[in-house]
Amino acid sequence: MVDAHVPWAYNQSIYRVIRGEMALELSLVPSSHDVRIVVQYRGEPIYELITQTVLDVDYRRDTLGEHIDIILDDNHAIDVQVKPRIRLTHSN
């Protein structure tokens, strides 16, 4: 949480992970459905998503690793794999 004095629903949560030369930063504000994803390779941004239309965000762990699923709408989602490597898959 960015601000300890703000209720969690209105607060910004930031998740950062580094795997080798890849880095991921995921920022969430639940009340406004704001999501920002930045992926860097060797310190240079290679992917960025900023959206205010997220329906849901869910964490899951399976045999392939750890994932954060970002549901953009009824037809589009982004699977953000954070372990054992950083990988983004956009599905529709």
PDB file of N, CA and C in Angstrom:
ATOM      1  N   MET A   1       0.834  -1.176   0.000  1.00  0.00           N
ATOM      2  CA  MET A   1       0.000   0.000   0.000  1.00  0.00           C
ATOM      3  C   MET A   1       0.879   1.240   0.000  1.00  0.00           C
ATOM      4  N   VAL A   2       0.501   2.198  -0.820  1.00  0.00           N
ATOM      5  CA  VAL A   2       1.288   3.412  -0.946  1.00  0.00           C
ATOM      6  C   VAL A   2       1.072   4.350   0.236  1.00  0.00           C
ATOM      7  N   ASP A   3      -0.173   4.493   0.687  1.00  0.00           N
ATOM      8  CA  ASP A   3      -0.488   5.422   1.776  1.00  0.00           C
ATOM      9  C   ASP A   3      -1.200   4.664   2.899  1.00  0.00           C
ATOM     10  N   ALA A   4      -0.554   4.525   4.021  1.00  0.00           N
ATOM     11  CA  ALA A   4      -1.103   3.752   5.141  1.00  0.00           C
ATOM     12  C   ALA A   4      -2.352   4.381   5.746  1.00  0.00           C
ATOM     13  N   HIS A   5      -2.626   5.641   5.453  1.00  0.00           N
ATOM     14  CA  HIS A   5      -3.771   6.345   6.035  1.00  0.00           C
ATOM     15  C   HIS A   5      -5.007   6.314   5.137  1.00  0.00           C
ATOM     16  N   VAL A   6      -4.908   5.685   3.995  1.00  0.00           N
ATOM     17  CA  VAL A   6      -6.015   5.611   3.036  1.00  0.00           C
ATOM     18  C   VAL A   6      -6.581   4.193   3.072  1.00  0.00           C
ATOM     19  N   PRO A   7      -7.921   4.031   3.130  1.00  0.00           N
ATOM     20  CA  PRO A   7      -8.512   2.681   3.102  1.00  0.00           C
ATOM     21  C   PRO A   7      -8.040   1.902   1.868  1.00  0.00           C
ATOM     22  N   TRP A   8      -7.883   0.593   2.025  1.00  0.00           N
ATOM     23  CA  TRP A   8      -7.304  -0.227   0.958  1.00  0.00           C
ATOM     24  C   TRP A   8      -8.020  -0.072  -0.377  1.00  0.00           C
ATOM     25  N   ALA A   9      -9.325   0.072  -0.377  1.00  0.00           N
ATOM     26  CA  ALA A   9     -10.068   0.156  -1.642  1.00  0.00           C
ATOM     27  C   ALA A   9      -9.714   1.402  -2.443  1.00  0.00           C
ATOM     28  N   TYR A  10      -9.255   2.437  -1.765  1.00  0.00           N
ATOM     29  CA  TYR A  10      -8.907   3.695  -2.438  1.00  0.00           C
ATOM     30  C   TYR A  10      -7.401   3.889  -2.533  1.00  0.00           C
ATOM     31  N   ASN A  11      -6.675   2.951  -2.027  1.00  0.00           N
ATOM     32  CA  ASN A  11      -5.233   3.046  -1.983  1.00  0.00           C
ATOM     33  C   ASN A  11      -4.625   2.405  -3.225  1.00  0.00           C
ATOM     34  N   GLN A  12      -3.388   2.750  -3.500  1.00  0.00           N
ATOM     35  CA  GLN A  12      -2.668   2.149  -4.607  1.00  0.00           C
ATOM     36  C   GLN A  12      -1.766   1.056  -4.057  1.00  0.00           C
ATOM     37  N   SER A  13      -1.892  -0.132  -4.623  1.00  0.00           N
ATOM     38  CA  SER A  13      -1.012  -1.242  -4.271  1.00  0.00           C
ATOM     39  C   SER A  13      -0.046  -1.453  -5.425  1.00  0.00           C
ATOM     40  N   ILE A  14       1.207  -1.662  -5.086  1.00  0.00           N
ATOM     41  CA  ILE A  14       2.226  -1.867  -6.113  1.00  0.00           C
ATOM     42  C   ILE A  14       2.925  -3.191  -5.852  1.00  0.00           C
ATOM     43  N   TYR A  15       3.013  -4.008  -6.895  1.00  0.00           N
ATOM     44  CA  TYR A  15       3.682  -5.294  -6.841  1.00  0.00           C
ATOM     45  C   TYR A  15       4.863  -5.221  -7.804  1.00  0.00           C
ATOM     46  N   ARG A  16       6.064  -5.492  -7.307  1.00  0.00           N
ATOM     47  CA  ARG A  16       7.263  -5.470  -8.147  1.00  0.00           C
ATOM     48  C   ARG A  16       7.966  -6.816  -8.044  1.00  0.00           C
ATOM     49  N   VAL A  17       8.439  -7.297  -9.183  1.00  0.00           N
ATOM     50  CA  VAL A  17       9.181  -8.556  -9.196  1.00  0.00           C
ATOM     51  C   VAL A  17      10.264  -8.458 -10.270  1.00  0.00           C
ATOM     52  N   ILE A  18      11.404  -9.069  -9.974  1.00  0.00           N
ATOM     53  CA  ILE A  18      12.517  -9.130 -10.925  1.00  0.00           C
ATOM     54  C   ILE A  18      12.885 -10.591 -11.105  1.00  0.00           C
ATOM     55  N   ARG A  19      12.981 -10.998 -12.342  1.00  0.00           N
ATOM     56  CA  ARG A  19      13.395 -12.358 -12.696  1.00  0.00           C
ATOM     57  C   ARG A  19      14.494 -12.220 -13.754  1.00  0.00           C
ATOM     58  N   GLY A  20      15.731 -12.411 -13.353  1.00  0.00           N
ATOM     59  CA  GLY A  20      16.839 -12.254 -14.291  1.00  0.00           C
ATOM     60  C   GLY A  20      16.911 -10.819 -14.798  1.00  0.00           C
ATOM     61  N   GLU A  21      16.852 -10.645 -16.105  1.00  0.00           N
ATOM     62  CA  GLU A  21      16.941  -9.313 -16.708  1.00  0.00           C
ATOM     63  C   GLU A  21      15.564  -8.684 -16.952  1.00  0.00           C
ATOM     64  N   MET A  22      14.513  -9.393 -16.547  1.00  0.00           N
ATOM     65  CA  MET A  22      13.141  -8.892 -16.701  1.00  0.00           C
ATOM     66  C   MET A  22      12.641  -8.340 -15.371  1.00  0.00           C
ATOM     67  N   ALA A  23      11.879  -7.260 -15.453  1.00  0.00           N
ATOM     68  CA  ALA A  23      11.258  -6.680 -14.256  1.00  0.00           C
ATOM     69  C   ALA A  23       9.810  -6.352 -14.587  1.00  0.00           C
ATOM     70  N   LEU A  24       8.948  -6.512 -13.595  1.00  0.00           N
ATOM     71  CA  LEU A  24       7.527  -6.229 -13.754  1.00  0.00           C
ATOM     72  C   LEU A  24       7.084  -5.342 -12.601  1.00  0.00           C
ATOM     73  N   GLU A  25       6.281  -4.328 -12.926  1.00  0.00           N
ATOM     74  CA  GLU A  25       5.626  -3.532 -11.894  1.00  0.00           C
ATOM     75  C   GLU A  25       4.142  -3.508 -12.223  1.00  0.00           C
ATOM     76  N   LEU A  26       3.331  -3.896 -11.245  1.00  0.00           N
ATOM     77  CA  LEU A  26       1.883  -3.922 -11.386  1.00  0.00           C
ATOM     78  C   LEU A  26       1.307  -3.021 -10.313  1.00  0.00           C
ATOM     79  N   SER A  27       0.543  -2.030 -10.723  1.00  0.00           N
ATOM     80  CA  SER A  27      -0.055  -1.064  -9.810  1.00  0.00           C
ATOM     81  C   SER A  27      -1.569  -1.164  -9.912  1.00  0.00           C
ATOM     82  N   LEU A  28      -2.246  -1.253  -8.757  1.00  0.00           N
ATOM     83  CA  LEU A  28      -3.702  -1.419  -8.713  1.00  0.00           C
ATOM     84  C   LEU A  28      -4.331  -0.383  -7.783  1.00  0.00           C
ATOM     85  N   VAL A  29      -5.476   0.173  -8.200  1.00  0.00           N
ATOM     86  CA  VAL A  29      -6.316   0.998  -7.329  1.00  0.00           C
ATOM     87  C   VAL A  29      -7.720   0.400  -7.433  1.00  0.00           C
ATOM     88  N   PRO A  30      -8.135  -0.419  -6.454  1.00  0.00           N
ATOM     89  CA  PRO A  30      -9.403  -1.152  -6.557  1.00  0.00           C
ATOM     90  C   PRO A  30     -10.640  -0.285  -6.792  1.00  0.00           C
ATOM     91  N   SER A  31     -10.766   0.828  -6.115  1.00  0.00           N
ATOM     92  CA  SER A  31     -11.993   1.627  -6.205  1.00  0.00           C
ATOM     93  C   SER A  31     -12.229   2.215  -7.585  1.00  0.00           C
ATOM     94  N   SER A  32     -11.172   2.531  -8.304  1.00  0.00           N
ATOM     95  CA  SER A  32     -11.337   3.148  -9.624  1.00  0.00           C
ATOM     96  C   SER A  32     -11.034   2.184 -10.764  1.00  0.00           C
ATOM     97  N   HIS A  33     -10.728   0.937 -10.438  1.00  0.00           N
ATOM     98  CA  HIS A  33     -10.424  -0.088 -11.438  1.00  0.00           C
ATOM     99  C   HIS A  33      -9.205   0.270 -12.281  1.00  0.00           C
ATOM    100  N   ASP A  34      -8.307   1.056 -11.711  1.00  0.00           N
ATOM    101  CA  ASP A  34      -7.075   1.435 -12.401  1.00  0.00           C
ATOM    102  C   ASP A  34      -6.053   0.314 -12.292  1.00  0.00           C
ATOM    103  N   VAL A  35      -5.446  -0.023 -13.419  1.00  0.00           N
ATOM    104  CA  VAL A  35      -4.355  -0.986 -13.451  1.00  0.00           C
ATOM    105  C   VAL A  35      -3.275  -0.437 -14.365  1.00  0.00           C
ATOM    106  N   ARG A  36      -2.047  -0.541 -13.898  1.00  0.00           N
ATOM    107  CA  ARG A  36      -0.893  -0.159 -14.711  1.00  0.00           C
ATOM    108  C   ARG A  36       0.110  -1.297 -14.633  1.00  0.00           C
ATOM    109  N   ILE A  37       0.563  -1.745 -15.794  1.00  0.00           N
ATOM    110  CA  ILE A  37       1.575  -2.791 -15.888  1.00  0.00           C
ATOM    111  C   ILE A  37       2.742  -2.227 -16.691  1.00  0.00           C
ATOM    112  N   VAL A  38       3.939  -2.384 -16.159  1.00  0.00           N
ATOM    113  CA  VAL A  38       5.148  -2.023 -16.899  1.00  0.00           C
ATOM    114  C   VAL A  38       6.095  -3.211 -16.831  1.00  0.00           C
ATOM    115  N   VAL A  39       6.551  -3.657 -18.003  1.00  0.00           N
ATOM    116  CA  VAL A  39       7.543  -4.723 -18.086  1.00  0.00           C
ATOM    117  C   VAL A  39       8.812  -4.113 -18.668  1.00  0.00           C
ATOM    118  N   GLN A  40       9.930  -4.407 -18.015  1.00  0.00           N
ATOM    119  CA  GLN A  40      11.216  -3.899 -18.484  1.00  0.00           C
ATOM    120  C   GLN A  40      12.169  -5.058 -18.761  1.00  0.00           C
ATOM    121  N   TYR A  41      13.002  -4.858 -19.766  1.00  0.00           N
ATOM    122  CA  TYR A  41      14.080  -5.794 -20.071  1.00  0.00           C
ATOM    123  C   TYR A  41      15.381  -5.004 -20.017  1.00  0.00           C
ATOM    124  N   ARG A  42      16.273  -5.418 -19.147  1.00  0.00           N
ATOM    125  CA  ARG A  42      17.544  -4.719 -18.939  1.00  0.00           C
ATOM    126  C   ARG A  42      17.326  -3.240 -18.621  1.00  0.00           C
ATOM    127  N   GLY A  43      16.277  -2.950 -17.850  1.00  0.00           N
ATOM    128  CA  GLY A  43      16.006  -1.584 -17.414  1.00  0.00           C
ATOM    129  C   GLY A  43      15.253  -0.723 -18.407  1.00  0.00           C
ATOM    130  N   GLU A  44      14.965  -1.249 -19.589  1.00  0.00           N
ATOM    131  CA  GLU A  44      14.240  -0.501 -20.619  1.00  0.00           C
ATOM    132  C   GLU A  44      12.809  -1.017 -20.726  1.00  0.00           C
ATOM    133  N   PRO A  45      11.819  -0.120 -20.703  1.00  0.00           N
ATOM    134  CA  PRO A  45      10.429  -0.558 -20.844  1.00  0.00           C
ATOM    135  C   PRO A  45      10.186  -1.216 -22.207  1.00  0.00           C
ATOM    136  N   ILE A  46       9.549  -2.388 -22.181  1.00  0.00           N
ATOM    137  CA  ILE A  46       9.205  -3.073 -23.433  1.00  0.00           C
ATOM    138  C   ILE A  46       7.696  -3.259 -23.572  1.00  0.00           C
ATOM    139  N   TYR A  47       6.962  -3.049 -22.478  1.00  0.00           N
ATOM    140  CA  TYR A  47       5.498  -3.186 -22.518  1.00  0.00           C
ATOM    141  C   TYR A  47       4.917  -2.321 -21.416  1.00  0.00           C
ATOM    142  N   GLU A  48       3.834  -1.611 -21.754  1.00  0.00           N
ATOM    143  CA  GLU A  48       3.124  -0.832 -20.739  1.00  0.00           C
ATOM    144  C   GLU A  48       1.636  -0.850 -21.055  1.00  0.00           C
ATOM    145  N   LEU A  49       0.859  -1.072 -20.017  1.00  0.00           N
ATOM    146  CA  LEU A  49      -0.597  -1.032 -20.116  1.00  0.00           C
ATOM    147  C   LEU A  49      -1.110  -0.130 -19.004  1.00  0.00           C
ATOM    148  N   ILE A  50      -1.939   0.831 -19.377  1.00  0.00           N
ATOM    149  CA  ILE A  50      -2.626   1.680 -18.406  1.00  0.00           C
ATOM    150  C   ILE A  50      -4.099   1.629 -18.775  1.00  0.00           C
ATOM    151  N   THR A  51      -4.923   1.178 -17.839  1.00  0.00           N
ATOM    152  CA  THR A  51      -6.346   1.064 -18.133  1.00  0.00           C
ATOM    153  C   THR A  51      -7.186   1.370 -16.894  1.00  0.00           C
ATOM    154  N   GLN A  52      -8.390   1.862 -17.139  1.00  0.00           N
ATOM    155  CA  GLN A  52      -9.339   2.130 -16.059  1.00  0.00           C
ATOM    156  C   GLN A  52     -10.623   1.337 -16.267  1.00  0.00           C
ATOM    157  N   THR A  53     -10.506   0.255 -17.013  1.00  0.00           N
ATOM    158  CA  THR A  53     -11.705  -0.517 -17.361  1.00  0.00           C
ATOM    159  C   THR A  53     -11.610  -1.972 -16.903  1.00  0.00           C
ATOM    160  N   VAL A  54     -10.875  -2.232 -15.860  1.00  0.00           N
ATOM    161  CA  VAL A  54     -10.682  -3.607 -15.401  1.00  0.00           C
ATOM    162  C   VAL A  54     -11.913  -4.100 -14.645  1.00  0.00           C
ATOM    163  N   LEU A  55     -12.367  -5.293 -14.995  1.00  0.00           N
ATOM    164  CA  LEU A  55     -13.495  -5.897 -14.290  1.00  0.00           C
ATOM    165  C   LEU A  55     -13.066  -6.614 -13.025  1.00  0.00           C
ATOM    166  N   ASP A  56     -11.906  -7.296 -13.096  1.00  0.00           N
ATOM    167  CA  ASP A  56     -11.471  -8.069 -11.932  1.00  0.00           C
ATOM    168  C   ASP A  56      -9.979  -8.348 -12.030  1.00  0.00           C
ATOM    169  N   VAL A  57      -9.366  -8.578 -10.885  1.00  0.00           N
ATOM    170  CA  VAL A  57      -7.976  -9.002 -10.799  1.00  0.00           C
ATOM    171  C   VAL A  57      -7.946 -10.178  -9.829  1.00  0.00           C
ATOM    172  N   ASP A  58      -7.279 -11.252 -10.245  1.00  0.00           N
ATOM    173  CA  ASP A  58      -7.271 -12.469  -9.438  1.00  0.00           C
ATOM    174  C   ASP A  58      -5.867 -13.066  -9.433  1.00  0.00           C
ATOM    175  N   TYR A  59      -5.452 -13.550  -8.283  1.00  0.00           N
ATOM    176  CA  TYR A  59      -4.181 -14.256  -8.147  1.00  0.00           C
ATOM    177  C   TYR A  59      -4.450 -15.750  -8.150  1.00  0.00           C
ATOM    178  N   ARG A  60      -3.589 -16.495  -8.847  1.00  0.00           N
ATOM    179  CA  ARG A  60      -3.716 -17.951  -8.813  1.00  0.00           C
ATOM    180  C   ARG A  60      -2.346 -18.601  -8.911  1.00  0.00           C
ATOM    181  N   ARG A  61      -2.279 -19.790  -8.346  1.00  0.00           N
ATOM    182  CA  ARG A  61      -1.074 -20.600  -8.397  1.00  0.00           C
ATOM    183  C   ARG A  61      -1.466 -21.937  -8.993  1.00  0.00           C
ATOM    184  N   ASP A  62      -0.690 -22.388  -9.982  1.00  0.00           N
ATOM    185  CA  ASP A  62      -0.950 -23.691 -10.581  1.00  0.00           C
ATOM    186  C   ASP A  62       0.375 -24.401 -10.837  1.00  0.00           C
ATOM    187  N   THR A  63       0.338 -25.497 -11.558  1.00  0.00           N
ATOM    188  CA  THR A  63       1.555 -26.273 -11.793  1.00  0.00           C
ATOM    189  C   THR A  63       2.572 -25.533 -12.661  1.00  0.00           C
ATOM    190  N   LEU A  64       2.135 -24.504 -13.388  1.00  0.00           N
ATOM    191  CA  LEU A  64       3.043 -23.730 -14.239  1.00  0.00           C
ATOM    192  C   LEU A  64       3.674 -22.546 -13.517  1.00  0.00           C
ATOM    193  N   GLY A  65       3.147 -22.181 -12.353  1.00  0.00           N
ATOM    194  CA  GLY A  65       3.729 -21.067 -11.614  1.00  0.00           C
ATOM    195  C   GLY A  65       2.675 -20.216 -10.932  1.00  0.00           C
ATOM    196  N   GLU A  66       3.026 -18.955 -10.696  1.00  0.00           N
ATOM    197  CA  GLU A  66       2.119 -18.001 -10.074  1.00  0.00           C
ATOM    198  C   GLU A  66       1.686 -16.978 -11.121  1.00  0.00           C
ATOM    199  N   HIS A  67       0.399 -16.619 -11.063  1.00  0.00           N
ATOM    200  CA  HIS A  67      -0.185 -15.753 -12.072  1.00  0.00           C
ATOM    201  C   HIS A  67      -1.070 -14.689 -11.434  1.00  0.00           C
ATOM    202  N   ILE A  68      -1.171 -13.561 -12.121  1.00  0.00           N
ATOM    203  CA  ILE A  68      -2.163 -12.540 -11.798  1.00  0.00           C
ATOM    204  C   ILE A  68      -3.013 -12.378 -13.051  1.00  0.00           C
ATOM    205  N   ASP A  69      -4.284 -12.708 -12.940  1.00  0.00           N
ATOM    206  CA  ASP A  69      -5.199 -12.600 -14.072  1.00  0.00           C
ATOM    207  C   ASP A  69      -5.916 -11.260 -14.002  1.00  0.00           C
ATOM    208  N   ILE A  70      -5.832 -10.510 -15.088  1.00  0.00           N
ATOM    209  CA  ILE A  70      -6.482  -9.205 -15.171  1.00  0.00           C
ATOM    210  C   ILE A  70      -7.590  -9.316 -16.215  1.00  0.00           C
ATOM    211  N   ILE A  71      -8.830  -9.241 -15.761  1.00  0.00           N
ATOM    212  CA  ILE A  71      -9.983  -9.360 -16.655  1.00  0.00           C
ATOM    213  C   ILE A  71     -10.343  -7.953 -17.118  1.00  0.00           C
ATOM    214  N   LEU A  72     -10.126  -7.683 -18.407  1.00  0.00           N
ATOM    215  CA  LEU A  72     -10.380  -6.348 -18.946  1.00  0.00           C
ATOM    216  C   LEU A  72     -11.850  -6.128 -19.269  1.00  0.00           C
ATOM    217  N   ASP A  73     -12.478  -7.145 -19.860  1.00  0.00           N
ATOM    218  CA  ASP A  73     -13.906  -7.104 -20.166  1.00  0.00           C
ATOM    219  C   ASP A  73     -14.366  -8.536 -20.378  1.00  0.00           C
ATOM    220  N   ASP A  74     -15.573  -8.720 -20.873  1.00  0.00           N
ATOM    221  CA  ASP A  74     -16.105 -10.074 -21.038  1.00  0.00           C
ATOM    222  C   ASP A  74     -15.328 -10.911 -22.047  1.00  0.00           C
ATOM    223  N   ASN A  75     -14.554 -10.256 -22.918  1.00  0.00           N
ATOM    224  CA  ASN A  75     -13.862 -10.970 -23.987  1.00  0.00           C
ATOM    225  C   ASN A  75     -12.348 -10.904 -23.929  1.00  0.00           C
ATOM    226  N   HIS A  76     -11.780 -10.109 -23.032  1.00  0.00           N
ATOM    227  CA  HIS A  76     -10.338  -9.914 -23.018  1.00  0.00           C
ATOM    228  C   HIS A  76      -9.775 -10.013 -21.605  1.00  0.00           C
ATOM    229  N   ALA A  77      -8.643 -10.708 -21.524  1.00  0.00           N
ATOM    230  CA  ALA A  77      -7.954 -10.848 -20.241  1.00  0.00           C
ATOM    231  C   ALA A  77      -6.454 -10.901 -20.493  1.00  0.00           C
ATOM    232  N   ILE A  78      -5.698 -10.554 -19.460  1.00  0.00           N
ATOM    233  CA  ILE A  78      -4.256 -10.657 -19.517  1.00  0.00           C
ATOM    234  C   ILE A  78      -3.812 -11.566 -18.375  1.00  0.00           C
ATOM    235  N   ASP A  79      -3.090 -12.614 -18.739  1.00  0.00           N
ATOM    236  CA  ASP A  79      -2.498 -13.519 -17.754  1.00  0.00           C
ATOM    237  C   ASP A  79      -1.068 -13.036 -17.536  1.00  0.00           C
ATOM    238  N   VAL A  80      -0.788 -12.544 -16.341  1.00  0.00           N
ATOM    239  CA  VAL A  80       0.550 -12.069 -15.992  1.00  0.00           C
ATOM    240  C   VAL A  80       1.205 -13.154 -15.144  1.00  0.00           C
ATOM    241  N   GLN A  81       2.100 -13.906 -15.760  1.00  0.00           N
ATOM    242  CA  GLN A  81       2.824 -14.935 -15.014  1.00  0.00           C
ATOM    243  C   GLN A  81       4.000 -14.256 -14.326  1.00  0.00           C
ATOM    244  N   VAL A  82       4.143 -14.471 -13.019  1.00  0.00           N
ATOM    245  CA  VAL A  82       5.206 -13.821 -12.256  1.00  0.00           C
ATOM    246  C   VAL A  82       6.233 -14.809 -11.694  1.00  0.00           C
ATOM    247  N   LYS A  83       5.907 -16.092 -11.764  1.00  0.00           N
ATOM    248  CA  LYS A  83       6.828 -17.104 -11.274  1.00  0.00           C
ATOM    249  C   LYS A  83       6.616 -18.384 -12.056  1.00  0.00           C
ATOM    250  N   PRO A  84       7.565 -19.081 -12.550  1.00  0.00           N
ATOM    251  CA  PRO A  84       8.990 -18.908 -12.335  1.00  0.00           C
ATOM    252  C   PRO A  84       9.629 -17.838 -13.223  1.00  0.00           C
ATOM    253  N   ARG A  85       8.876 -17.291 -14.187  1.00  0.00           N
ATOM    254  CA  ARG A  85       9.400 -16.232 -15.052  1.00  0.00           C
ATOM    255  C   ARG A  85       8.307 -15.202 -15.276  1.00  0.00           C
ATOM    256  N   ILE A  86       8.672 -14.077 -15.823  1.00  0.00           N
ATOM    257  CA  ILE A  86       7.700 -13.043 -16.174  1.00  0.00           C
ATOM    258  C   ILE A  86       7.248 -13.308 -17.598  1.00  0.00           C
ATOM    259  N   ARG A  87       5.927 -13.383 -17.756  1.00  0.00           N
ATOM    260  CA  ARG A  87       5.356 -13.629 -19.086  1.00  0.00           C
ATOM    261  C   ARG A  87       3.952 -13.079 -19.098  1.00  0.00           C
ATOM    262  N   LEU A  88       3.583 -12.362 -20.172  1.00  0.00           N
ATOM    263  CA  LEU A  88       2.233 -11.815 -20.328  1.00  0.00           C
ATOM    264  C   LEU A  88       1.577 -12.485 -21.523  1.00  0.00           C
ATOM    265  N   THR A  89       0.335 -12.924 -21.325  1.00  0.00           N
ATOM    266  CA  THR A  89      -0.450 -13.530 -22.391  1.00  0.00           C
ATOM    267  C   THR A  89      -1.800 -12.837 -22.442  1.00  0.00           C
ATOM    268  N   HIS A  90      -2.118 -12.263 -23.585  1.00  0.00           N
ATOM    269  CA  HIS A  90      -3.405 -11.587 -23.790  1.00  0.00           C
ATOM    270  C   HIS A  90      -4.342 -12.558 -24.495  1.00  0.00           C
ATOM    271  N   SER A  91      -5.493 -12.784 -23.898  1.00  0.00           N
ATOM    272  CA  SER A  91      -6.456 -13.711 -24.506  1.00  0.00           C
ATOM    273  C   SER A  91      -7.748 -12.984 -24.829  1.00  0.00           C
ATOM    274  N   ASN A  92      -8.407 -13.486 -25.832  1.00  0.00           N
ATOM    275  CA  ASN A  92      -9.738 -12.956 -26.200  1.00  0.00           C
ATOM    276  C   ASN A  92     -10.608 -14.080 -26.697  1.00  0.00           C
TER     277      ASN A  92
END
